Protein backbone atom coordinates (compact mmCIF):
# COMPACT_ATOMS: atom_id res chain seq x y z
CA MET A 1 -5.66 -4.67 -13.04
CA ALA A 2 -7.13 -8.15 -12.97
CA ILE A 3 -9.85 -9.32 -10.61
CA LEU A 4 -8.77 -11.78 -7.92
CA PRO A 5 -10.32 -15.26 -8.37
CA ALA A 6 -13.47 -15.62 -6.29
CA SER A 7 -11.97 -18.68 -4.58
CA SER A 8 -9.18 -16.49 -3.22
CA ILE A 9 -11.44 -13.85 -1.70
CA ALA A 10 -13.16 -13.98 1.67
CA LYS A 11 -16.91 -14.52 1.35
CA HIS A 12 -18.04 -11.59 3.49
CA ARG A 13 -16.05 -8.73 2.01
CA SER A 14 -17.46 -5.22 2.04
CA VAL A 15 -16.00 -4.26 -1.34
CA THR A 16 -14.91 -5.95 -4.55
CA LEU A 17 -11.16 -6.43 -4.64
CA ARG A 18 -9.18 -5.71 -7.77
CA ALA A 19 -5.60 -6.84 -8.04
CA SER A 20 -2.43 -7.04 -10.02
CA GLU A 21 -0.36 -10.14 -9.52
CA ARG A 22 1.39 -8.65 -6.51
CA ALA A 23 -1.02 -6.15 -4.94
CA PHE A 24 -4.63 -5.10 -4.84
CA THR A 25 -6.36 -1.79 -4.43
CA LEU A 26 -9.83 -1.04 -3.18
CA PRO A 27 -12.25 0.29 -5.82
CA ASP A 28 -12.85 4.04 -5.95
CA LEU A 29 -9.91 4.70 -3.61
CA SER A 30 -7.17 4.70 -6.22
CA GLY A 31 -6.72 6.61 -9.43
CA PRO A 32 -4.17 8.46 -11.56
CA GLU A 33 -3.01 10.61 -8.64
CA ALA A 34 -3.74 8.89 -5.34
CA PHE A 35 -3.67 5.20 -4.55
CA MET A 36 -3.92 2.73 -1.67
CA ALA A 37 -2.31 -0.67 -2.27
CA PHE A 38 -1.97 -3.87 -0.25
CA SER A 39 0.49 -6.56 -1.31
CA VAL A 40 -0.15 -10.29 -1.46
CA ARG A 41 2.58 -12.91 -1.04
CA ARG A 42 2.87 -14.04 -4.66
CA GLY A 43 4.91 -12.79 -7.58
CA GLY A 44 8.22 -12.34 -5.74
CA VAL A 45 11.58 -14.12 -5.62
CA SER A 46 11.96 -15.06 -1.94
CA SER A 47 12.44 -18.74 -1.12
CA SER A 48 10.37 -20.77 1.34
CA PRO A 49 9.23 -20.05 4.02
CA TYR A 50 9.20 -16.45 2.75
CA ASP A 51 7.78 -17.34 -0.64
CA SER A 52 7.58 -15.30 -2.43
CA LEU A 53 6.82 -11.55 -2.16
CA ASN A 54 8.29 -10.85 1.28
CA PHE A 55 9.21 -7.30 2.31
CA SER A 56 11.23 -7.83 5.49
CA VAL A 57 14.80 -9.03 6.02
CA GLY A 58 14.37 -9.13 9.79
CA GLN A 59 12.93 -12.64 9.74
CA GLY A 60 15.80 -14.24 7.79
CA ASP A 61 15.17 -13.52 4.11
CA THR A 62 18.02 -12.15 2.00
CA SER A 63 18.33 -8.44 1.35
CA ASP A 64 18.76 -9.09 -2.37
CA SER A 65 15.44 -10.96 -2.53
CA VAL A 66 13.60 -8.26 -0.60
CA ARG A 67 15.11 -5.54 -2.78
CA THR A 68 13.96 -7.37 -5.90
CA ASN A 69 10.48 -7.76 -4.40
CA PHE A 70 10.33 -4.00 -3.81
CA ASP A 71 11.43 -3.40 -7.40
CA ARG A 72 8.71 -5.68 -8.77
CA LEU A 73 5.92 -4.19 -6.69
CA THR A 74 6.85 -0.59 -7.36
CA GLU A 75 7.10 -1.32 -11.08
CA ASP A 76 3.53 -2.64 -10.95
CA LEU A 77 2.41 0.50 -9.14
CA GLU A 78 4.42 2.77 -11.45
CA ILE A 79 6.40 4.42 -8.68
CA GLU A 80 10.11 4.47 -7.79
CA PRO A 81 11.39 2.38 -4.83
CA LYS A 82 13.48 5.36 -3.71
CA HIS A 83 10.27 7.35 -3.22
CA MET A 84 8.85 4.94 -0.64
CA ALA A 85 9.21 5.61 3.10
CA THR A 86 8.96 2.77 5.61
CA CYS A 87 9.48 2.72 9.36
CA LYS A 88 10.98 0.52 12.06
CA GLN A 89 7.79 -0.68 13.70
CA VAL A 90 7.82 -1.33 17.45
CA HIS A 91 4.12 -1.87 18.26
CA GLY A 92 3.87 1.61 19.72
CA ASP A 93 2.00 4.82 18.94
CA HIS A 94 4.71 7.14 17.66
CA ILE A 95 3.79 9.06 14.51
CA GLU A 96 6.42 10.40 12.13
CA ILE A 97 5.88 13.19 9.59
CA ILE A 98 7.72 12.40 6.33
CA ARG A 99 8.72 15.37 4.16
CA THR A 100 11.76 13.75 2.53
CA ILE A 101 12.73 10.09 2.32
CA PRO A 102 14.87 9.37 5.42
CA LYS A 103 18.18 7.54 4.99
CA THR A 104 17.25 5.29 7.92
CA PRO A 105 13.64 4.26 8.57
CA PRO A 106 12.41 6.12 11.67
CA VAL A 107 11.17 4.25 14.73
CA ALA A 108 7.41 4.67 14.40
CA ASP A 109 4.15 2.83 13.78
CA ALA A 110 2.49 5.49 11.65
CA LEU A 111 3.76 7.74 8.89
CA ILE A 112 2.13 10.87 7.48
CA THR A 113 3.28 12.75 4.40
CA PRO A 114 2.07 16.01 2.83
CA ILE A 115 4.42 15.61 -0.13
CA LYS A 116 3.30 14.42 -3.55
CA GLY A 117 5.63 11.77 -4.93
CA VAL A 118 6.41 10.39 -1.45
CA PHE A 119 4.70 7.11 -0.59
CA VAL A 120 4.34 5.91 3.00
CA ALA A 121 4.18 2.23 3.92
CA VAL A 122 3.84 -0.21 6.81
CA LYS A 123 4.62 -3.93 6.95
CA THR A 124 2.34 -6.51 8.56
CA ALA A 125 1.82 -10.25 8.98
CA ASP A 126 -1.40 -10.25 11.06
CA CYS A 127 -1.63 -6.73 12.45
CA LEU A 128 -4.06 -4.34 10.80
CA PRO A 129 -2.70 -1.95 8.16
CA VAL A 130 -4.76 1.23 7.83
CA LEU A 131 -4.27 3.68 4.96
CA LEU A 132 -5.68 7.21 5.13
CA LEU A 133 -6.04 9.88 2.47
CA ASP A 134 -7.12 13.49 2.59
CA LYS A 135 -7.51 14.06 -1.15
CA SER A 136 -8.52 17.70 -0.80
CA ARG A 137 -5.24 18.60 0.92
CA GLY A 138 -2.95 15.92 -0.50
CA ILE A 139 -2.16 14.23 2.82
CA ALA A 140 -1.47 10.48 3.07
CA SER A 141 -0.88 8.20 6.05
CA ALA A 142 0.00 4.55 6.66
CA VAL A 143 -0.70 3.08 10.11
CA HIS A 144 0.35 -0.19 11.75
CA ALA A 145 -2.39 -1.14 14.22
CA GLY A 146 -1.74 -4.38 16.07
CA TRP A 147 -3.37 -5.07 19.41
CA ARG A 148 -0.81 -2.94 21.25
CA GLY A 149 -1.20 -0.01 18.88
CA THR A 150 -4.97 -0.37 19.06
CA VAL A 151 -4.88 -0.33 22.86
CA MET A 152 -2.70 2.80 22.64
CA ARG A 153 -5.38 4.34 20.37
CA ILE A 154 -2.90 4.97 17.58
CA LEU A 155 -5.52 5.53 14.89
CA PRO A 156 -7.38 8.38 16.65
CA LYS A 157 -3.97 9.93 17.34
CA VAL A 158 -3.13 9.85 13.65
CA VAL A 159 -6.44 11.53 12.76
CA ASP A 160 -5.73 14.22 15.38
CA ARG A 161 -2.18 14.72 14.10
CA MET A 162 -3.35 15.13 10.51
CA ALA A 163 -5.86 17.73 11.68
CA LYS A 164 -3.33 19.60 13.81
CA GLU A 165 -0.45 19.63 11.31
CA PHE A 166 -2.30 20.00 8.02
CA GLY A 167 -5.87 21.05 8.73
CA THR A 168 -7.38 17.73 7.67
CA LYS A 169 -11.07 17.43 8.48
CA PRO A 170 -12.15 13.89 9.48
CA GLU A 171 -15.24 14.13 7.30
CA ASP A 172 -12.96 14.63 4.27
CA MET A 173 -10.85 11.55 4.98
CA VAL A 174 -10.96 8.22 3.16
CA ALA A 175 -9.74 5.11 5.00
CA ALA A 176 -8.87 1.59 3.88
CA LEU A 177 -8.48 -1.26 6.36
CA GLY A 178 -6.31 -3.94 4.83
CA PRO A 179 -5.81 -7.68 5.35
CA ALA A 180 -5.28 -8.69 8.98
CA ILE A 181 -6.02 -11.57 11.28
CA GLY A 182 -9.79 -11.79 11.66
CA PRO A 183 -12.06 -12.63 14.60
CA CYS A 184 -12.29 -16.12 13.11
CA CYS A 185 -8.66 -16.74 14.15
CA TYR A 186 -7.58 -14.05 16.62
CA GLU A 187 -7.88 -15.90 19.92
CA VAL A 188 -6.41 -13.89 22.81
CA ASP A 189 -5.66 -14.36 26.50
CA ASP A 190 -5.78 -12.04 29.51
CA LYS A 191 -2.45 -10.46 28.54
CA VAL A 192 -4.30 -8.87 25.64
CA LEU A 193 -7.84 -8.75 27.02
CA ASN A 194 -7.05 -6.85 30.23
CA PRO A 195 -5.39 -3.78 28.62
CA PHE A 196 -7.90 -3.96 25.78
CA ARG A 197 -10.81 -3.70 28.21
CA GLU A 198 -9.13 -0.89 30.12
CA SER A 199 -8.47 1.23 27.03
CA ILE A 200 -11.24 0.64 24.49
CA PRO A 201 -14.72 2.14 25.04
CA ASP A 202 -17.45 -0.51 25.34
CA PRO A 203 -14.91 -3.28 24.64
CA GLU A 204 -17.22 -6.30 24.88
CA ARG A 205 -18.85 -5.49 21.54
CA PHE A 206 -15.54 -6.36 19.88
CA ILE A 207 -14.98 -9.62 21.78
CA THR A 208 -16.51 -12.93 20.74
CA VAL A 209 -16.73 -15.84 23.18
CA VAL A 210 -16.36 -19.26 21.55
CA ASN A 211 -17.31 -22.31 23.61
CA ASN A 212 -15.02 -25.32 23.13
CA GLY A 213 -16.58 -28.04 25.21
CA ASN A 214 -15.48 -27.44 28.79
CA THR A 215 -13.52 -24.31 27.93
CA ALA A 216 -14.20 -21.00 26.23
CA SER A 217 -11.91 -18.87 24.09
CA ARG A 218 -12.15 -15.17 23.36
CA ARG A 219 -11.46 -13.51 20.06
CA ILE A 220 -11.03 -9.85 19.15
CA ASP A 221 -12.10 -8.14 15.93
CA LEU A 222 -9.21 -5.70 15.34
CA ALA A 223 -10.68 -4.25 12.17
CA LEU A 224 -14.05 -3.55 13.76
CA VAL A 225 -12.43 -1.81 16.72
CA ASN A 226 -10.45 0.48 14.45
CA ARG A 227 -13.44 1.12 12.21
CA PHE A 228 -15.31 2.43 15.26
CA GLU A 229 -12.25 4.44 16.29
CA LEU A 230 -12.39 6.24 12.94
CA ILE A 231 -16.13 6.82 13.16
CA GLY A 232 -15.67 8.15 16.68
CA LYS A 233 -13.23 10.75 15.33
CA GLY A 234 -15.70 11.94 12.71
CA VAL A 235 -14.67 9.93 9.65
CA ARG A 236 -17.78 9.19 7.60
CA GLU A 237 -18.80 5.54 7.75
CA GLU A 238 -19.25 5.42 3.97
CA ASN A 239 -15.63 6.57 3.58
CA ILE A 240 -14.24 3.61 5.53
CA HIS A 241 -13.51 0.58 3.36
CA HIS A 242 -12.48 -2.85 4.59
CA ALA A 243 -10.81 -5.59 2.57
CA ASN A 244 -12.19 -8.14 5.08
CA LEU A 245 -9.52 -10.71 4.31
CA CYS A 246 -8.05 -12.78 7.15
CA THR A 247 -4.30 -13.25 6.84
CA CYS A 248 -4.39 -16.42 8.93
CA CYS A 249 -7.17 -18.04 6.84
CA ASN A 250 -5.59 -17.36 3.45
CA PRO A 251 -2.12 -18.96 3.25
CA ASP A 252 -2.14 -18.72 -0.55
CA LEU A 253 -2.44 -14.93 -0.36
CA PHE A 254 -0.88 -13.73 2.88
CA PHE A 255 1.85 -14.25 5.44
CA SER A 256 0.62 -14.79 9.01
CA TYR A 257 2.63 -14.73 12.22
CA ARG A 258 -0.15 -16.49 14.11
CA ARG A 259 -0.19 -19.31 11.55
CA ASP A 260 3.50 -19.58 10.64
CA GLY A 261 5.38 -18.23 13.66
CA ALA A 262 8.71 -16.43 13.61
CA LEU A 263 9.52 -17.55 10.06
CA SER A 264 6.61 -15.61 8.61
CA GLY A 265 7.27 -13.04 5.90
CA ARG A 266 5.63 -9.61 5.74
CA GLN A 267 3.12 -7.92 3.45
CA ILE A 268 3.39 -4.21 2.73
CA SER A 269 0.64 -1.60 2.52
CA LEU A 270 1.32 1.79 0.97
CA THR A 271 -0.35 4.99 -0.10
CA GLY A 272 0.42 8.42 -1.44
CA PHE A 273 -0.09 10.93 -4.23
CA ARG A 274 1.72 10.78 -7.54
CA ILE A 275 3.21 13.98 -8.89
């Protein structure tokens, strides 16, 4: 894998990013058996405004283009497209256990699999993708954590579900927080702030007030919230890795709903264990 050009990487990252043309992994989290990968928007066949590695047909791209994009990414990752499980995301907190690849993607915002050779994935354009691995037990999870999912505490629920179903211990887990809209760009109103403050412990530490002359805006750090959610469940801080790349700030690398609106494409984040 090649190293992303320094000009394409956020200045304040917590880890060095290594990438193929179409996806990057976080160092020390991927190897011959297990991997965590986050796609970028280049190296695909989709036409503008979905150029070029888009993974969703729901926004108007063609199914043929998206299928080709899947083929290209999975070839890079040396896995089969038919072994990848996705879900119909609804900004909720439902968690689906994947033991075989479903014919129709289940309605869910988090997938967990205990099966080697099955790879779970979520699609995002600003929301936070979180990938979890329990390498000692061979359990993998992909989580879609937007503001609604965060308010619903989806990530702690996934940690609890992995413990209940498969005996995963939080201290054995490794987590990767992928590209998402950062506090530099994620300005929110009371529609988001009110439920956020009601649900999240000590919420003000995740809210930044920015003065704009006679007005003030408020911005939320989604990644930081979910990092603390993991720590609160017992995941070791040193086992939580953050790409620290803002989707809204990096149009050359990522799609962003906040920046581009309804015509935005989607990245994909996936993880699992090879056979």
